[in-house]
Amino acid sequence: MNLGASVTHKVAIFRISPFIIGAMALEMKSVLTIAWITSDFLTSGTFITLILVFL
């Protein structure tokens, strides 16, 4: 995680990540694999951020 990144950079990454997941989903045929990767993105993007906010 880049703590020195600007807000616009972070927003751009969060806007691009669903398209990356969609592109990977087109290549993969397993629903479980897609769900696993998506939950990884959500966990690292929201849960870890919330934990860091309260520290």
N, C-alpha and C. Protein backbone atom coordinates (compact mmCIF):
# COMPACT_ATOMS: atom_id res chain seq x y z
N MET A 1 0.85 -1.16 0.00
CA MET A 1 0.00 0.00 0.00
C MET A 1 0.90 1.23 0.00
N ASN A 2 0.59 2.16 -0.88
CA ASN A 2 1.35 3.39 -0.99
C ASN A 2 0.68 4.47 -0.15
N LEU A 3 1.26 4.75 1.00
CA LEU A 3 0.66 5.72 1.91
C LEU A 3 0.78 7.15 1.39
N GLY A 4 1.70 7.40 0.47
CA GLY A 4 1.90 8.73 -0.04
C GLY A 4 1.11 9.02 -1.31
N ALA A 5 0.26 8.11 -1.74
CA ALA A 5 -0.49 8.31 -2.98
C ALA A 5 -1.56 9.37 -2.79
N SER A 6 -1.83 10.11 -3.86
CA SER A 6 -2.86 11.14 -3.80
C SER A 6 -4.25 10.51 -3.85
N VAL A 7 -5.23 11.29 -3.48
CA VAL A 7 -6.61 10.80 -3.47
C VAL A 7 -7.07 10.46 -4.88
N THR A 8 -6.71 11.27 -5.85
CA THR A 8 -7.14 11.00 -7.24
C THR A 8 -6.52 9.71 -7.75
N HIS A 9 -5.29 9.43 -7.33
CA HIS A 9 -4.66 8.17 -7.74
C HIS A 9 -5.39 6.97 -7.13
N LYS A 10 -5.74 7.07 -5.85
CA LYS A 10 -6.46 5.98 -5.18
C LYS A 10 -7.83 5.76 -5.82
N VAL A 11 -8.54 6.85 -6.13
CA VAL A 11 -9.87 6.73 -6.74
C VAL A 11 -9.75 6.10 -8.12
N ALA A 12 -8.73 6.46 -8.86
CA ALA A 12 -8.54 5.88 -10.19
C ALA A 12 -8.32 4.38 -10.10
N ILE A 13 -7.54 3.94 -9.13
CA ILE A 13 -7.29 2.51 -8.95
C ILE A 13 -8.57 1.78 -8.58
N PHE A 14 -9.36 2.38 -7.68
CA PHE A 14 -10.62 1.73 -7.28
C PHE A 14 -11.63 1.70 -8.41
N ARG A 15 -11.55 2.64 -9.34
CA ARG A 15 -12.46 2.62 -10.49
C ARG A 15 -12.02 1.63 -11.55
N ILE A 16 -10.73 1.38 -11.65
CA ILE A 16 -10.21 0.46 -12.66
C ILE A 16 -10.31 -1.00 -12.22
N SER A 17 -10.21 -1.27 -10.92
CA SER A 17 -10.17 -2.65 -10.44
C SER A 17 -11.37 -3.51 -10.83
N PRO A 18 -12.62 -3.00 -10.88
CA PRO A 18 -13.71 -3.87 -11.34
C PRO A 18 -13.54 -4.34 -12.79
N PHE A 19 -12.95 -3.50 -13.63
CA PHE A 19 -12.71 -3.90 -15.02
C PHE A 19 -11.64 -4.98 -15.11
N ILE A 20 -10.65 -4.90 -14.22
CA ILE A 20 -9.62 -5.94 -14.17
C ILE A 20 -10.24 -7.26 -13.75
N ILE A 21 -11.10 -7.23 -12.74
CA ILE A 21 -11.77 -8.45 -12.28
C ILE A 21 -12.67 -9.00 -13.40
N GLY A 22 -13.36 -8.11 -14.10
CA GLY A 22 -14.22 -8.54 -15.21
C GLY A 22 -13.42 -9.19 -16.32
N ALA A 23 -12.26 -8.63 -16.63
CA ALA A 23 -11.41 -9.22 -17.67
C ALA A 23 -10.91 -10.60 -17.25
N MET A 24 -10.56 -10.75 -15.98
CA MET A 24 -10.12 -12.06 -15.51
C MET A 24 -11.28 -13.05 -15.52
N ALA A 25 -12.48 -12.56 -15.23
CA ALA A 25 -13.65 -13.45 -15.20
C ALA A 25 -13.97 -13.99 -16.59
N LEU A 26 -13.70 -13.20 -17.62
CA LEU A 26 -13.95 -13.68 -18.98
C LEU A 26 -13.01 -14.83 -19.35
N GLU A 27 -11.82 -14.83 -18.78
CA GLU A 27 -10.85 -15.87 -19.07
C GLU A 27 -11.06 -17.13 -18.23
N MET A 28 -11.59 -16.96 -17.03
CA MET A 28 -11.78 -18.09 -16.12
C MET A 28 -13.20 -18.62 -16.25
N LYS A 29 -13.31 -19.90 -16.11
CA LYS A 29 -14.63 -20.52 -16.21
C LYS A 29 -15.18 -20.96 -14.85
N SER A 30 -14.37 -20.91 -13.82
CA SER A 30 -14.81 -21.36 -12.51
C SER A 30 -15.40 -20.21 -11.71
N VAL A 31 -16.62 -20.36 -11.26
CA VAL A 31 -17.28 -19.34 -10.46
C VAL A 31 -16.59 -19.20 -9.10
N LEU A 32 -16.12 -20.29 -8.54
CA LEU A 32 -15.45 -20.23 -7.24
C LEU A 32 -14.15 -19.45 -7.32
N THR A 33 -13.41 -19.60 -8.39
CA THR A 33 -12.16 -18.86 -8.55
C THR A 33 -12.44 -17.37 -8.67
N ILE A 34 -13.46 -17.02 -9.44
CA ILE A 34 -13.82 -15.61 -9.61
C ILE A 34 -14.27 -15.02 -8.27
N ALA A 35 -15.08 -15.76 -7.52
CA ALA A 35 -15.54 -15.29 -6.21
C ALA A 35 -14.38 -15.12 -5.25
N TRP A 36 -13.40 -16.02 -5.31
CA TRP A 36 -12.24 -15.95 -4.43
C TRP A 36 -11.41 -14.70 -4.73
N ILE A 37 -11.16 -14.43 -6.00
CA ILE A 37 -10.37 -13.26 -6.38
C ILE A 37 -11.12 -11.98 -6.04
N THR A 38 -12.42 -11.95 -6.28
CA THR A 38 -13.21 -10.76 -5.96
C THR A 38 -13.21 -10.49 -4.47
N SER A 39 -13.35 -11.52 -3.66
CA SER A 39 -13.35 -11.31 -2.21
C SER A 39 -11.98 -10.83 -1.73
N ASP A 40 -10.91 -11.28 -2.39
CA ASP A 40 -9.57 -10.79 -2.06
C ASP A 40 -9.46 -9.29 -2.31
N PHE A 41 -9.96 -8.83 -3.46
CA PHE A 41 -9.93 -7.40 -3.78
C PHE A 41 -10.75 -6.61 -2.77
N LEU A 42 -11.93 -7.11 -2.43
CA LEU A 42 -12.78 -6.39 -1.49
C LEU A 42 -12.17 -6.35 -0.09
N THR A 43 -11.58 -7.46 0.32
CA THR A 43 -10.97 -7.52 1.65
C THR A 43 -9.80 -6.55 1.75
N SER A 44 -8.95 -6.56 0.76
CA SER A 44 -7.78 -5.68 0.84
C SER A 44 -8.18 -4.22 0.65
N GLY A 45 -9.25 -3.96 -0.06
CA GLY A 45 -9.65 -2.58 -0.30
C GLY A 45 -10.49 -1.97 0.79
N THR A 46 -11.25 -2.77 1.52
CA THR A 46 -12.15 -2.19 2.52
C THR A 46 -11.78 -2.60 3.95
N PHE A 47 -11.67 -3.87 4.19
CA PHE A 47 -11.47 -4.34 5.56
C PHE A 47 -10.15 -3.85 6.14
N ILE A 48 -9.08 -4.02 5.40
CA ILE A 48 -7.77 -3.60 5.89
C ILE A 48 -7.72 -2.09 6.07
N THR A 49 -8.35 -1.37 5.15
CA THR A 49 -8.40 0.08 5.27
C THR A 49 -9.14 0.50 6.52
N LEU A 50 -10.27 -0.14 6.82
CA LEU A 50 -11.02 0.18 8.03
C LEU A 50 -10.21 -0.11 9.29
N ILE A 51 -9.48 -1.20 9.30
CA ILE A 51 -8.66 -1.54 10.46
C ILE A 51 -7.59 -0.47 10.65
N LEU A 52 -6.96 -0.03 9.56
CA LEU A 52 -5.91 0.99 9.66
C LEU A 52 -6.45 2.33 10.13
N VAL A 53 -7.70 2.63 9.79
CA VAL A 53 -8.30 3.89 10.21
C VAL A 53 -8.44 3.95 11.72
N PHE A 54 -8.78 2.84 12.33
CA PHE A 54 -9.02 2.83 13.76
C PHE A 54 -7.76 2.60 14.60
N LEU A 55 -6.62 2.40 13.96
CA LEU A 55 -5.37 2.23 14.72
C LEU A 55 -4.76 3.55 15.10
